[in-house]
N, C-alpha and C. Protein backbone atom coordinates (compact mmCIF):
# COMPACT_ATOMS: atom_id res chain seq x y z
N ILE A 1 63.47 107.14 159.29
CA ILE A 1 63.85 107.33 160.68
C ILE A 1 63.44 108.72 161.15
N ALA A 2 63.56 109.73 160.27
CA ALA A 2 63.28 111.11 160.67
C ALA A 2 61.85 111.33 161.15
N PRO A 3 60.82 110.79 160.47
CA PRO A 3 59.45 111.00 160.98
C PRO A 3 59.25 110.38 162.36
N GLN A 4 59.85 109.22 162.60
CA GLN A 4 59.72 108.57 163.91
C GLN A 4 60.43 109.39 164.98
N ALA A 5 61.56 109.99 164.64
CA ALA A 5 62.30 110.81 165.59
C ALA A 5 61.50 112.07 165.92
N LYS A 6 60.86 112.66 164.92
CA LYS A 6 60.06 113.85 165.17
C LYS A 6 58.86 113.54 166.07
N GLU A 7 58.25 112.35 165.87
CA GLU A 7 57.13 111.93 166.73
C GLU A 7 57.58 111.76 168.17
N ALA A 8 58.83 111.30 168.36
CA ALA A 8 59.37 111.10 169.70
C ALA A 8 59.82 112.42 170.33
N GLY A 9 59.80 113.50 169.56
CA GLY A 9 60.15 114.80 170.11
C GLY A 9 61.62 115.15 170.00
N ILE A 10 62.35 114.46 169.13
CA ILE A 10 63.77 114.73 168.96
C ILE A 10 63.93 115.88 167.98
N LYS A 11 64.67 116.92 168.40
CA LYS A 11 64.86 118.09 167.54
C LYS A 11 66.31 118.26 167.12
N GLU A 12 67.26 117.78 167.93
CA GLU A 12 68.69 117.90 167.64
C GLU A 12 69.34 116.54 167.77
N VAL A 13 70.32 116.27 166.90
CA VAL A 13 71.01 114.98 166.95
C VAL A 13 72.52 115.17 166.81
N ASP A 14 73.27 114.26 167.40
CA ASP A 14 74.71 114.13 167.17
C ASP A 14 74.86 112.92 166.25
N VAL A 15 75.46 113.11 165.09
CA VAL A 15 75.56 112.04 164.09
C VAL A 15 76.91 111.37 164.20
N LEU A 16 76.91 110.02 164.31
CA LEU A 16 78.12 109.22 164.29
C LEU A 16 78.08 108.38 163.02
N VAL A 17 79.04 108.60 162.11
CA VAL A 17 79.05 107.86 160.84
C VAL A 17 80.17 106.84 160.85
N ARG A 18 79.85 105.66 160.28
CA ARG A 18 80.82 104.58 160.22
C ARG A 18 80.88 104.07 158.79
N GLY A 19 82.08 103.92 158.26
CA GLY A 19 82.24 103.41 156.90
C GLY A 19 82.34 104.52 155.88
N ILE A 20 82.46 104.11 154.60
CA ILE A 20 82.59 105.08 153.53
C ILE A 20 81.48 104.85 152.53
N GLY A 21 81.23 105.84 151.68
CA GLY A 21 80.24 105.69 150.62
C GLY A 21 79.26 106.84 150.58
N PRO A 22 78.44 106.86 149.55
CA PRO A 22 77.51 107.97 149.35
C PRO A 22 76.36 108.00 150.36
N ALA A 23 76.08 106.89 151.03
CA ALA A 23 74.96 106.85 151.97
C ALA A 23 75.22 107.70 153.21
N ARG A 24 76.48 107.92 153.56
CA ARG A 24 76.80 108.75 154.73
C ARG A 24 76.19 110.13 154.58
N GLU A 25 76.49 110.76 153.44
CA GLU A 25 76.02 112.12 153.21
C GLU A 25 74.51 112.16 153.01
N ALA A 26 73.97 111.15 152.34
CA ALA A 26 72.53 111.11 152.06
C ALA A 26 71.73 111.01 153.36
N ALA A 27 72.21 110.26 154.31
CA ALA A 27 71.50 110.11 155.59
C ALA A 27 71.46 111.44 156.34
N MET A 28 72.57 112.15 156.34
CA MET A 28 72.60 113.45 157.03
C MET A 28 71.72 114.46 156.31
N ARG A 29 71.73 114.42 154.97
CA ARG A 29 70.89 115.33 154.20
C ARG A 29 69.41 115.06 154.47
N ALA A 30 69.04 113.79 154.61
CA ALA A 30 67.65 113.42 154.88
C ALA A 30 67.21 113.92 156.26
N LEU A 31 68.08 113.83 157.24
CA LEU A 31 67.76 114.33 158.58
C LEU A 31 67.54 115.84 158.53
N ALA A 32 68.44 116.54 157.88
CA ALA A 32 68.34 118.00 157.80
C ALA A 32 67.10 118.43 157.03
N ALA A 33 66.75 117.69 155.98
CA ALA A 33 65.59 118.05 155.16
C ALA A 33 64.28 117.87 155.92
N ASN A 34 64.28 117.00 156.91
CA ASN A 34 63.08 116.75 157.69
C ASN A 34 63.00 117.60 158.95
N GLY A 35 63.86 118.61 159.04
CA GLY A 35 63.76 119.56 160.14
C GLY A 35 64.46 119.15 161.42
N ILE A 36 65.35 118.17 161.36
CA ILE A 36 66.11 117.77 162.54
C ILE A 36 67.47 118.44 162.45
N GLN A 37 67.82 119.19 163.50
CA GLN A 37 69.08 119.94 163.49
C GLN A 37 70.24 119.02 163.85
N ILE A 38 71.30 119.04 163.03
CA ILE A 38 72.49 118.23 163.29
C ILE A 38 73.46 119.08 164.09
N VAL A 39 73.73 118.66 165.33
CA VAL A 39 74.60 119.41 166.23
C VAL A 39 76.06 119.13 165.92
N SER A 40 76.41 117.86 165.77
CA SER A 40 77.80 117.50 165.46
C SER A 40 77.83 116.25 164.61
N ILE A 41 78.92 116.11 163.85
CA ILE A 41 79.14 114.93 163.00
C ILE A 41 80.49 114.35 163.40
N LYS A 42 80.50 113.05 163.74
CA LYS A 42 81.75 112.41 164.14
C LYS A 42 81.94 111.14 163.32
N ASP A 43 83.13 110.96 162.77
CA ASP A 43 83.46 109.77 161.99
C ASP A 43 84.06 108.72 162.91
N VAL A 44 83.38 107.59 163.05
CA VAL A 44 83.85 106.51 163.93
C VAL A 44 84.16 105.25 163.12
N THR A 45 84.68 105.44 161.90
CA THR A 45 85.03 104.31 161.04
C THR A 45 86.16 103.52 161.71
N PRO A 46 85.97 102.20 161.88
CA PRO A 46 87.03 101.42 162.51
C PRO A 46 88.27 101.32 161.61
N VAL A 47 89.42 101.68 162.14
CA VAL A 47 90.68 101.62 161.41
C VAL A 47 91.61 100.69 162.19
N PRO A 48 92.12 99.63 161.54
CA PRO A 48 92.98 98.71 162.28
C PRO A 48 94.34 99.33 162.61
N HIS A 49 94.85 99.00 163.77
CA HIS A 49 96.19 99.42 164.16
C HIS A 49 97.12 98.24 163.93
N ASN A 50 97.27 97.88 162.64
CA ASN A 50 98.05 96.70 162.23
C ASN A 50 97.55 95.44 162.93
N GLY A 51 96.29 95.11 162.68
CA GLY A 51 95.66 93.94 163.29
C GLY A 51 95.92 92.69 162.48
N CYS A 52 94.84 92.11 161.94
CA CYS A 52 94.94 90.85 161.20
C CYS A 52 95.69 91.04 159.88
N ARG A 53 96.35 89.98 159.45
CA ARG A 53 97.07 90.03 158.19
C ARG A 53 96.07 89.99 157.04
N PRO A 54 96.21 90.88 156.03
CA PRO A 54 95.26 90.88 154.91
C PRO A 54 95.41 89.64 154.03
N LYS A 55 94.33 89.29 153.31
CA LYS A 55 94.35 88.14 152.41
C LYS A 55 95.33 88.37 151.28
N LYS A 56 95.87 87.26 150.74
CA LYS A 56 96.78 87.36 149.60
C LYS A 56 96.00 87.83 148.39
N PRO A 57 96.62 88.62 147.49
CA PRO A 57 95.92 89.00 146.27
C PRO A 57 95.67 87.79 145.38
N ARG A 58 94.53 87.76 144.71
CA ARG A 58 94.16 86.64 143.85
C ARG A 58 94.97 86.67 142.56
N ARG A 59 95.53 85.51 142.17
CA ARG A 59 96.26 85.42 140.91
C ARG A 59 95.41 84.67 139.91
N VAL A 60 95.21 85.27 138.76
CA VAL A 60 94.36 84.64 137.74
C VAL A 60 95.18 84.25 136.54
C-alpha cells in the first residue's frame, strides 16, 4: 500500500486500527519505514455495549 500512496502524493496519514493482533503494529511500522509520516493513531475496535448473547461454552 505504501508505494501506491507515495505515487499518489500522500505524505502524512491518520491511522485507524481495528481489531487485535500483531498485524496492527506491523502495518504502522511498514508505513513509517516507507517514508510516510503517521500523524495520529486511533483504535476503532468495535466493542459491544451488551449486545448479542454469547454462545454457550462447548462441553466435551
